[in-house]
Amino acid sequence: MAQDNFSLRFWGVRGSYAVSDRDALRYGGNTSCVEVVAGKRQIIFDAGTGIIGLGKELIKNNPGPLSLNLFLSHTHHDHLSGFYFFDPLFDKRNRINIFGPGSGKRSLAETLRMAMEPALFPIGLDALDAKTSIWSLVGGENIALRDNRQSPRITKAVSLRIKDREQPIISTYGSPAHPNGVILYRVFFQSKSLVYATDLEETADGYPDVIEFARDADVLIHDAQYLESEYMSTANPRRGWGHSTVESATEVARKAGVKRLVLFHHEPTHDDRCIDQILKFARRRFRRTTVAAEGMVMRL
C-alpha cells in the first residue's frame, strides 16, 4: 500500500436487509460495509453482509498476517450480519481492532458476546482466533491509528480541524438520531477527510451538529434510504425508523459545503431503475452527488 493512498471501496450499500433480485444487481444487494485505505492503515466501516466478500479478498491478496480496524456505526442486525463470517477473524496471525458504541450500561464487547450466544449463533465470541481488541465509544473521541503493533490512542476530541496528518485520525460523533443511537465517523488523512454518516434520521434542514461535523469534508457518505413520499406516507410512514430522505441528505451536503456526496444505505425495495432516478433527482439539488454501488472505488 502506498503511504499516501487515501481511497475507499464499497462492499455493501443496502439498508435493512440484503437483496438478490436480478433488477438490483447493478448497485448491489449486500448490506453496509465500506473499506477505506489510508496510507498503510486499513479501515472498515460496518460489518453487514458486504464484509464477507471483503474478508475473502483480504485473505486472497495478503498471505501474511493482517492488521485491521473495524468501526461499527451501531449493532443492529443489518450492520452486523456479516461479522460472524468475516474470515480474518478466524486466523490467529491477524490483529483486529473493533470499535463501536458502548457505555457503562453495556460495553461493545458485551453486545457482541450477546449477539453470538448459543441461541443465536453456533459459536461464541471466544471462538474467534484473531487477536482482537474491542473498544467502546460514546462519541467525541479522536482515535489515532498507530504502528500495527501499537494500540490505538483514544482521546476526547478537542477540535475537528485536524490537518496534514501522516497517520489517519478518526473523529467520532454520537447521535441519538437512530433508535438506540449511532456513531458517525470522520477520517482525516493527508489534509483530506471523509465522513461516514449512516443510519441517521435527519430533520428536513439537517441537524446543526451533523452539518458541523461534516463541514468541508472531501467526501460525505450519507444515509438516504427513503424518498420524501415514502417517509411521509400515510399508508406506511417511515418516520421514526432512523433513516434519512434523499432530500435531507442533499441539504446536509449543501449546508456543510462538502466536495462530494455519496448516497448510501439504499432502501431494499428500490431497484436499479429507481436508484437511477434518485441520482438524477439528487443532482438537481446537489450537483456533486453520486450513489454508492458495490465495487465502486473513490480516491481522495
Protein backbone atom coordinates (compact mmCIF):
# COMPACT_ATOMS: atom_id res chain seq x y z
CA MET A 1 0.00 0.00 0.00
CA ALA A 2 1.33 3.42 -0.96
CA GLN A 3 1.94 5.63 2.05
CA ASP A 4 -0.12 8.48 0.59
CA ASN A 5 -3.00 6.35 -0.73
CA PHE A 6 -6.38 7.53 0.54
CA SER A 7 -9.18 5.60 -1.10
CA LEU A 8 -12.41 3.78 -0.37
CA ARG A 9 -14.33 0.87 -1.82
CA PHE A 10 -17.95 -0.06 -1.28
CA TRP A 11 -18.64 -3.71 -0.43
CA GLY A 12 -22.23 -3.36 0.79
CA VAL A 13 -24.61 -0.45 0.18
CA ARG A 14 -28.12 -1.68 1.12
CA GLY A 15 -30.07 -0.86 4.23
CA SER A 16 -32.25 -3.06 6.45
CA TYR A 17 -31.74 -6.39 4.66
CA ALA A 18 -29.76 -7.90 1.81
CA VAL A 19 -31.40 -8.47 -1.57
CA SER A 20 -30.55 -10.74 -4.51
CA ASP A 21 -33.16 -9.57 -7.03
CA ARG A 22 -31.90 -9.52 -10.61
CA ASP A 23 -33.06 -5.94 -11.08
CA ALA A 24 -30.97 -4.74 -8.10
CA LEU A 25 -27.62 -6.22 -9.08
CA ARG A 26 -26.12 -3.15 -10.73
CA TYR A 27 -25.97 -1.23 -7.45
CA GLY A 28 -25.69 -4.37 -5.34
CA GLY A 29 -27.65 -6.14 -2.65
CA ASN A 30 -25.28 -6.57 0.31
CA THR A 31 -25.76 -4.58 3.49
CA SER A 32 -23.39 -1.93 4.78
CA CYS A 33 -19.63 -2.28 4.51
CA VAL A 34 -17.09 0.29 3.31
CA GLU A 35 -13.34 -0.32 3.10
CA VAL A 36 -11.01 2.66 3.50
CA VAL A 37 -7.26 2.58 2.88
CA ALA A 38 -5.34 5.48 4.44
CA GLY A 39 -1.63 5.04 3.86
CA LYS A 40 -0.67 1.74 5.49
CA ARG A 41 -3.83 1.53 7.60
CA GLN A 42 -6.89 -0.49 6.64
CA ILE A 43 -10.20 0.78 8.00
CA ILE A 44 -13.56 -0.93 7.64
CA PHE A 45 -16.90 0.70 8.35
CA ASP A 46 -19.64 -1.71 9.43
CA ALA A 47 -19.97 -5.46 9.15
CA GLY A 48 -23.08 -6.05 7.07
CA THR A 49 -23.10 -8.88 4.55
CA GLY A 50 -20.70 -6.91 2.35
CA ILE A 51 -17.85 -7.65 4.76
CA ILE A 52 -17.96 -11.34 3.83
CA GLY A 53 -16.64 -10.68 0.33
CA LEU A 54 -14.12 -8.18 1.67
CA GLY A 55 -12.76 -10.79 4.08
CA LYS A 56 -12.24 -13.31 1.31
CA GLU A 57 -10.49 -10.70 -0.85
CA LEU A 58 -8.17 -9.71 2.01
CA ILE A 59 -7.19 -13.33 2.62
CA LYS A 60 -6.62 -13.94 -1.09
CA ASN A 61 -4.38 -10.90 -1.58
CA ASN A 62 -2.48 -10.98 1.74
CA PRO A 63 -0.76 -14.28 2.57
CA GLY A 64 0.82 -12.74 5.67
CA PRO A 65 -0.83 -11.51 8.89
CA LEU A 66 -3.38 -8.71 8.63
CA SER A 67 -3.79 -5.64 10.82
CA LEU A 68 -7.33 -4.26 10.51
CA ASN A 69 -9.55 -1.66 12.14
CA LEU A 70 -13.30 -2.28 12.13
CA PHE A 71 -15.61 0.60 13.07
CA LEU A 72 -19.27 -0.20 13.76
CA SER A 73 -21.79 2.62 13.46
CA HIS A 74 -24.18 0.61 15.64
CA THR A 75 -25.06 -3.03 16.23
CA HIS A 76 -28.42 -3.54 14.54
CA HIS A 77 -28.57 -6.80 12.59
CA ASP A 78 -28.07 -5.39 9.10
CA HIS A 79 -24.76 -3.84 10.17
CA LEU A 80 -23.52 -6.94 11.97
CA SER A 81 -24.83 -9.86 9.91
CA GLY A 82 -21.51 -10.41 8.11
CA PHE A 83 -19.33 -10.13 11.23
CA TYR A 84 -19.65 -13.82 12.05
CA PHE A 85 -18.46 -14.81 8.57
CA PHE A 86 -15.51 -12.40 8.26
CA ASP A 87 -12.65 -14.81 7.52
CA PRO A 88 -9.80 -12.70 9.01
CA LEU A 89 -11.40 -13.14 12.45
CA PHE A 90 -10.59 -16.84 12.29
CA ASP A 91 -6.84 -16.58 11.67
CA LYS A 92 -4.71 -16.33 14.80
CA ARG A 93 -1.99 -14.39 12.95
CA ASN A 94 -4.27 -11.40 12.46
CA ARG A 95 -4.69 -8.40 14.72
CA ILE A 96 -8.08 -6.65 14.59
CA ASN A 97 -9.24 -3.58 16.50
CA ILE A 98 -13.02 -3.37 16.77
CA PHE A 99 -14.64 -0.03 17.66
CA GLY A 100 -18.28 0.79 18.19
CA PRO A 101 -20.94 2.11 20.52
CA GLY A 102 -20.77 1.02 24.13
CA SER A 103 -21.32 2.52 27.57
CA GLY A 104 -21.24 1.74 31.25
CA LYS A 105 -24.59 0.00 30.86
CA ARG A 106 -23.30 -2.37 28.20
CA SER A 107 -19.89 -2.42 26.55
CA LEU A 108 -19.41 -3.21 22.87
CA ALA A 109 -17.76 -6.49 23.85
CA GLU A 110 -20.84 -7.47 25.87
CA THR A 111 -23.13 -6.63 22.95
CA LEU A 112 -21.06 -8.74 20.54
CA ARG A 113 -20.98 -11.58 23.05
CA MET A 114 -24.78 -11.45 23.34
CA ALA A 115 -25.11 -11.49 19.54
CA MET A 116 -23.13 -14.75 19.48
CA GLU A 117 -24.97 -16.54 22.27
CA PRO A 118 -25.78 -20.22 21.53
CA ALA A 119 -29.46 -19.42 20.93
CA LEU A 120 -28.46 -17.03 18.14
CA PHE A 121 -25.21 -18.40 16.67
CA PRO A 122 -23.40 -21.75 16.91
CA ILE A 123 -20.06 -20.37 18.15
CA GLY A 124 -19.27 -17.71 20.71
CA LEU A 125 -17.10 -14.60 20.67
CA ASP A 126 -14.26 -16.50 22.35
CA ALA A 127 -14.02 -18.83 19.34
CA LEU A 128 -12.57 -16.04 17.20
CA ASP A 129 -8.90 -16.87 16.67
CA ALA A 130 -7.57 -13.44 15.70
CA LYS A 131 -6.04 -11.15 18.30
CA THR A 132 -9.00 -8.82 18.84
CA SER A 133 -9.20 -5.66 20.91
CA ILE A 134 -12.70 -4.26 21.39
CA TRP A 135 -13.13 -0.57 22.15
CA SER A 136 -16.38 1.06 23.32
CA LEU A 137 -17.15 4.55 22.03
CA VAL A 138 -19.73 7.13 23.03
CA GLY A 139 -18.84 9.92 20.59
CA GLY A 140 -16.45 12.82 20.90
CA GLU A 141 -13.30 10.72 20.60
CA ASN A 142 -10.23 11.15 18.43
CA ILE A 143 -8.67 7.80 17.51
CA ALA A 144 -5.09 7.73 16.25
CA LEU A 145 -4.20 4.54 14.37
CA ARG A 146 -0.54 3.94 15.09
CA ASP A 147 2.00 1.26 14.21
CA ASN A 148 0.43 -2.14 13.67
CA ARG A 149 1.96 -3.43 16.92
CA GLN A 150 0.74 -0.49 18.99
CA SER A 151 -2.70 0.02 20.43
CA PRO A 152 -4.68 2.96 19.04
CA ARG A 153 -4.53 6.16 21.03
CA ILE A 154 -8.02 7.31 22.01
CA THR A 155 -8.54 10.81 23.41
CA LYS A 156 -11.51 13.10 23.76
CA ALA A 157 -11.80 15.32 20.71
CA VAL A 158 -10.90 18.97 21.18
CA SER A 159 -11.16 20.06 17.56
CA LEU A 160 -12.37 18.74 14.21
CA ARG A 161 -9.73 20.81 12.41
CA ILE A 162 -7.09 18.13 12.06
CA LYS A 163 -4.77 18.92 9.18
CA ASP A 164 -1.73 17.38 7.48
CA ARG A 165 -1.72 14.12 9.41
CA GLU A 166 0.74 11.48 8.22
CA GLN A 167 -1.22 8.84 10.12
CA PRO A 168 -5.02 8.64 9.94
CA ILE A 169 -7.09 10.15 12.73
CA ILE A 170 -10.72 9.13 13.17
CA SER A 171 -13.08 11.52 14.95
CA THR A 172 -16.43 10.33 16.26
CA TYR A 173 -19.82 11.89 16.86
CA GLY A 174 -22.55 10.15 18.84
CA SER A 175 -26.04 10.91 17.58
CA PRO A 176 -29.45 9.98 19.03
CA ALA A 177 -31.00 10.22 15.54
CA HIS A 178 -31.37 6.44 15.24
CA PRO A 179 -33.11 4.01 17.60
CA ASN A 180 -30.58 3.22 20.37
CA GLY A 181 -28.14 5.76 18.92
CA VAL A 182 -25.46 5.70 16.23
CA ILE A 183 -21.81 6.74 15.86
CA LEU A 184 -20.69 8.89 12.92
CA TYR A 185 -17.05 8.79 11.84
CA ARG A 186 -14.71 11.22 10.12
CA VAL A 187 -11.32 10.09 8.80
CA PHE A 188 -8.59 12.72 8.48
CA PHE A 189 -5.51 11.87 6.41
CA GLN A 190 -3.06 13.89 4.31
CA SER A 191 -5.07 17.13 4.57
CA LYS A 192 -8.24 15.43 3.34
CA SER A 193 -11.21 13.83 5.06
CA LEU A 194 -14.25 11.65 4.57
CA VAL A 195 -17.36 11.31 6.72
CA TYR A 196 -19.36 8.12 7.23
CA ALA A 197 -22.85 9.05 8.38
CA THR A 198 -25.30 6.22 8.01
CA ASP A 199 -28.49 5.24 9.87
CA LEU A 200 -29.21 8.84 10.70
CA GLU A 201 -32.69 10.34 10.61
CA GLU A 202 -32.08 13.96 9.73
CA THR A 203 -34.54 16.77 10.17
CA ALA A 204 -35.67 18.44 6.94
CA ASP A 205 -32.95 21.06 7.34
CA GLY A 206 -30.33 18.73 8.83
CA TYR A 207 -29.04 18.65 12.39
CA PRO A 208 -26.66 21.59 13.01
CA ASP A 209 -24.20 19.33 14.87
CA VAL A 210 -24.08 16.85 12.00
CA ILE A 211 -23.62 19.64 9.46
CA GLU A 212 -20.72 20.98 11.50
CA PHE A 213 -19.22 17.51 11.90
CA ALA A 214 -19.23 17.13 8.09
CA ARG A 215 -18.08 20.70 7.43
CA ASP A 216 -15.82 20.94 4.30
CA ALA A 217 -15.31 17.17 4.04
CA ASP A 218 -13.96 15.89 0.73
CA VAL A 219 -16.47 13.02 0.74
CA LEU A 220 -19.69 12.64 2.72
CA ILE A 221 -21.26 9.17 2.74
CA HIS A 222 -24.79 9.77 3.98
CA ASP A 223 -27.86 7.64 4.64
CA ALA A 224 -30.54 8.32 2.02
CA GLN A 225 -32.81 5.31 2.36
CA TYR A 226 -36.16 6.96 1.66
CA LEU A 227 -37.85 9.22 -0.77
CA GLU A 228 -39.82 12.01 0.88
CA SER A 229 -43.04 10.38 -0.33
CA GLU A 230 -42.11 7.13 1.44
CA TYR A 231 -41.01 8.88 4.60
CA MET A 232 -44.25 10.83 4.86
CA SER A 233 -46.54 8.06 3.55
CA THR A 234 -49.91 7.81 5.29
CA ALA A 235 -50.23 4.11 4.46
CA ASN A 236 -46.78 3.05 5.67
CA PRO A 237 -44.91 6.00 7.20
CA ARG A 238 -41.20 5.64 7.94
CA ARG A 239 -40.86 8.49 10.39
CA GLY A 240 -39.00 7.35 13.48
CA TRP A 241 -37.31 4.41 11.74
CA GLY A 242 -33.93 6.11 11.94
CA HIS A 243 -33.16 6.90 8.29
CA SER A 244 -32.88 9.97 6.11
CA THR A 245 -34.51 11.01 2.88
CA VAL A 246 -32.65 11.90 -0.30
CA GLU A 247 -33.82 15.47 0.19
CA SER A 248 -32.37 15.82 3.70
CA ALA A 249 -29.05 14.18 2.69
CA THR A 250 -28.55 16.68 -0.12
CA GLU A 251 -29.48 19.54 2.21
CA VAL A 252 -26.82 18.47 4.71
CA ALA A 253 -24.22 18.23 1.93
CA ARG A 254 -25.08 21.72 0.68
CA LYS A 255 -25.01 23.34 4.11
CA ALA A 256 -21.82 21.55 5.16
CA GLY A 257 -20.02 22.59 1.98
CA VAL A 258 -18.74 19.10 1.21
CA LYS A 259 -16.98 18.43 -2.07
CA ARG A 260 -18.77 15.16 -2.91
CA LEU A 261 -21.90 13.46 -1.58
CA VAL A 262 -22.44 9.70 -1.79
CA LEU A 263 -25.99 8.47 -1.16
CA PHE A 264 -25.86 5.25 0.87
CA HIS A 265 -27.95 2.63 2.70
CA HIS A 266 -30.35 2.14 -0.20
CA GLU A 267 -33.91 1.03 0.51
CA PRO A 268 -34.00 -2.71 -0.37
CA THR A 269 -37.22 -2.31 -2.39
CA HIS A 270 -35.55 0.25 -4.67
CA ASP A 271 -34.37 -1.44 -7.85
CA ASP A 272 -31.65 -0.18 -10.19
CA ARG A 273 -34.05 1.93 -12.26
CA CYS A 274 -35.41 3.59 -9.13
CA ILE A 275 -31.90 4.43 -7.91
CA ASP A 276 -31.06 5.84 -11.35
CA GLN A 277 -33.98 8.24 -10.94
CA ILE A 278 -32.93 9.08 -7.38
CA LEU A 279 -29.49 10.06 -8.67
CA LYS A 280 -30.95 12.40 -11.29
CA PHE A 281 -33.23 13.96 -8.70
CA ALA A 282 -30.41 14.35 -6.13
CA ARG A 283 -28.09 16.01 -8.63
CA ARG A 284 -30.66 18.71 -9.24
CA ARG A 285 -30.40 19.51 -5.53
CA PHE A 286 -26.64 18.96 -5.07
CA ARG A 287 -24.71 18.63 -8.31
CA ARG A 288 -21.70 16.72 -6.95
CA THR A 289 -23.78 13.70 -5.88
CA THR A 290 -23.26 10.04 -6.69
CA VAL A 291 -24.87 6.90 -5.35
CA ALA A 292 -22.96 4.08 -3.72
CA ALA A 293 -22.63 0.85 -5.68
CA GLU A 294 -20.87 -2.36 -4.78
CA GLY A 295 -17.33 -2.38 -6.13
CA MET A 296 -17.23 1.39 -6.63
CA VAL A 297 -13.83 2.88 -5.76
CA MET A 298 -13.19 6.53 -4.90
CA ARG A 299 -9.82 8.22 -4.41
CA LEU A 300 -9.40 11.31 -2.30
